[in-house]
Amino acid sequence: MVTVYVMPVMMMMIMMVLWMKMTQLSAMPMYVQIMMVTPVTIVLTVLMV
């Protein structure tokens, strides 16, 4: 069951990181990127579940 929830989250994180690398956000420090991605990832995961 856990895998069902983990996989979408991993995919979201990867997609977000790739998207940020293609935008101006890539100039930001890593912790700033994580702080921006985490809330969005949580919201998307909750909506998908």
N, C-alpha and C. Protein backbone atom coordinates (compact mmCIF):
# COMPACT_ATOMS: atom_id res chain seq x y z
N MET A 1 0.83 -1.21 0.00
CA MET A 1 0.00 0.00 0.00
C MET A 1 0.87 1.26 0.00
N VAL A 2 1.93 1.21 0.80
CA VAL A 2 2.81 2.38 0.91
C VAL A 2 3.40 2.75 -0.45
N THR A 3 3.75 1.73 -1.24
CA THR A 3 4.36 1.98 -2.55
C THR A 3 3.43 2.80 -3.44
N VAL A 4 2.13 2.55 -3.32
CA VAL A 4 1.14 3.26 -4.14
C VAL A 4 1.22 4.76 -3.88
N TYR A 5 1.50 5.12 -2.62
CA TYR A 5 1.56 6.54 -2.26
C TYR A 5 2.94 7.13 -2.54
N VAL A 6 3.98 6.31 -2.41
CA VAL A 6 5.34 6.79 -2.57
C VAL A 6 5.67 7.09 -4.03
N MET A 7 5.25 6.21 -4.92
CA MET A 7 5.58 6.37 -6.33
C MET A 7 5.11 7.71 -6.93
N PRO A 8 3.85 8.10 -6.72
CA PRO A 8 3.40 9.39 -7.26
C PRO A 8 4.20 10.55 -6.68
N VAL A 9 4.52 10.45 -5.39
CA VAL A 9 5.29 11.52 -4.74
C VAL A 9 6.67 11.63 -5.37
N MET A 10 7.32 10.49 -5.58
CA MET A 10 8.65 10.49 -6.20
C MET A 10 8.58 11.09 -7.59
N MET A 11 7.56 10.71 -8.34
CA MET A 11 7.40 11.24 -9.69
C MET A 11 7.19 12.75 -9.67
N MET A 12 6.38 13.22 -8.72
CA MET A 12 6.13 14.65 -8.59
C MET A 12 7.41 15.40 -8.27
N MET A 13 8.18 14.85 -7.33
CA MET A 13 9.43 15.49 -6.93
C MET A 13 10.38 15.59 -8.11
N ILE A 14 10.51 14.48 -8.86
CA ILE A 14 11.42 14.45 -10.01
C ILE A 14 10.97 15.46 -11.07
N MET A 15 9.67 15.47 -11.35
CA MET A 15 9.14 16.39 -12.35
C MET A 15 9.36 17.85 -11.93
N MET A 16 9.14 18.12 -10.64
CA MET A 16 9.32 19.47 -10.14
C MET A 16 10.77 19.91 -10.25
N VAL A 17 11.69 19.02 -9.88
CA VAL A 17 13.11 19.35 -9.95
C VAL A 17 13.52 19.61 -11.40
N LEU A 18 13.08 18.74 -12.30
CA LEU A 18 13.41 18.92 -13.72
C LEU A 18 12.84 20.23 -14.24
N TRP A 19 11.60 20.54 -13.83
CA TRP A 19 10.96 21.78 -14.27
C TRP A 19 11.72 22.98 -13.76
N MET A 20 12.17 22.92 -12.50
CA MET A 20 12.89 24.04 -11.92
C MET A 20 14.25 24.22 -12.58
N LYS A 21 14.88 23.12 -13.00
CA LYS A 21 16.17 23.22 -13.67
C LYS A 21 16.04 23.94 -15.00
N MET A 22 14.85 23.89 -15.59
CA MET A 22 14.63 24.53 -16.89
C MET A 22 14.19 25.98 -16.73
N THR A 23 13.96 26.41 -15.47
CA THR A 23 13.50 27.78 -15.24
C THR A 23 14.54 28.56 -14.45
N GLN A 24 14.20 29.81 -14.13
CA GLN A 24 15.12 30.67 -13.41
C GLN A 24 15.33 30.21 -11.97
N LEU A 25 14.43 29.35 -11.48
CA LEU A 25 14.51 28.89 -10.10
C LEU A 25 15.76 28.06 -9.84
N SER A 26 16.37 27.57 -10.93
CA SER A 26 17.55 26.72 -10.77
C SER A 26 18.71 27.49 -10.14
N ALA A 27 18.60 28.84 -10.16
CA ALA A 27 19.66 29.66 -9.58
C ALA A 27 19.55 29.72 -8.05
N MET A 28 18.38 29.30 -7.54
CA MET A 28 18.16 29.33 -6.10
C MET A 28 18.89 28.19 -5.41
N PRO A 29 19.20 28.37 -4.12
CA PRO A 29 19.82 27.28 -3.35
C PRO A 29 18.89 26.08 -3.27
N MET A 30 19.48 24.91 -3.00
CA MET A 30 18.72 23.66 -2.99
C MET A 30 17.63 23.69 -1.93
N TYR A 31 17.94 24.23 -0.73
CA TYR A 31 16.93 24.21 0.34
C TYR A 31 15.73 25.08 0.00
N VAL A 32 15.96 26.13 -0.78
CA VAL A 32 14.85 26.99 -1.21
C VAL A 32 13.95 26.22 -2.17
N GLN A 33 14.57 25.48 -3.09
CA GLN A 33 13.80 24.67 -4.04
C GLN A 33 12.96 23.64 -3.30
N ILE A 34 13.58 22.99 -2.30
CA ILE A 34 12.88 21.95 -1.54
C ILE A 34 11.70 22.57 -0.79
N MET A 35 11.92 23.74 -0.20
CA MET A 35 10.85 24.41 0.55
C MET A 35 9.68 24.75 -0.36
N MET A 36 9.97 25.07 -1.62
CA MET A 36 8.91 25.42 -2.56
C MET A 36 8.20 24.18 -3.10
N VAL A 37 8.95 23.10 -3.29
CA VAL A 37 8.39 21.89 -3.89
C VAL A 37 7.56 21.08 -2.90
N THR A 38 8.05 20.97 -1.66
CA THR A 38 7.41 20.09 -0.68
C THR A 38 5.92 20.38 -0.48
N PRO A 39 5.53 21.63 -0.23
CA PRO A 39 4.09 21.91 -0.02
C PRO A 39 3.26 21.54 -1.25
N VAL A 40 3.76 21.85 -2.42
CA VAL A 40 3.04 21.54 -3.66
C VAL A 40 2.89 20.03 -3.81
N THR A 41 3.97 19.30 -3.51
CA THR A 41 3.95 17.85 -3.63
C THR A 41 2.94 17.25 -2.67
N ILE A 42 2.90 17.76 -1.45
CA ILE A 42 1.96 17.25 -0.45
C ILE A 42 0.52 17.48 -0.90
N VAL A 43 0.26 18.68 -1.39
CA VAL A 43 -1.09 19.02 -1.84
C VAL A 43 -1.51 18.13 -3.00
N LEU A 44 -0.64 17.97 -3.97
CA LEU A 44 -0.96 17.13 -5.13
C LEU A 44 -1.19 15.68 -4.72
N THR A 45 -0.36 15.20 -3.79
CA THR A 45 -0.51 13.82 -3.31
C THR A 45 -1.84 13.63 -2.61
N VAL A 46 -2.21 14.58 -1.76
CA VAL A 46 -3.48 14.49 -1.04
C VAL A 46 -4.65 14.50 -2.02
N LEU A 47 -4.56 15.35 -3.03
CA LEU A 47 -5.64 15.45 -4.02
C LEU A 47 -5.76 14.15 -4.81
N MET A 48 -4.61 13.55 -5.14
CA MET A 48 -4.63 12.31 -5.92
C MET A 48 -5.16 11.15 -5.08
N VAL A 49 -4.89 11.18 -3.78
CA VAL A 49 -5.37 10.11 -2.89
C VAL A 49 -6.84 10.39 -2.56
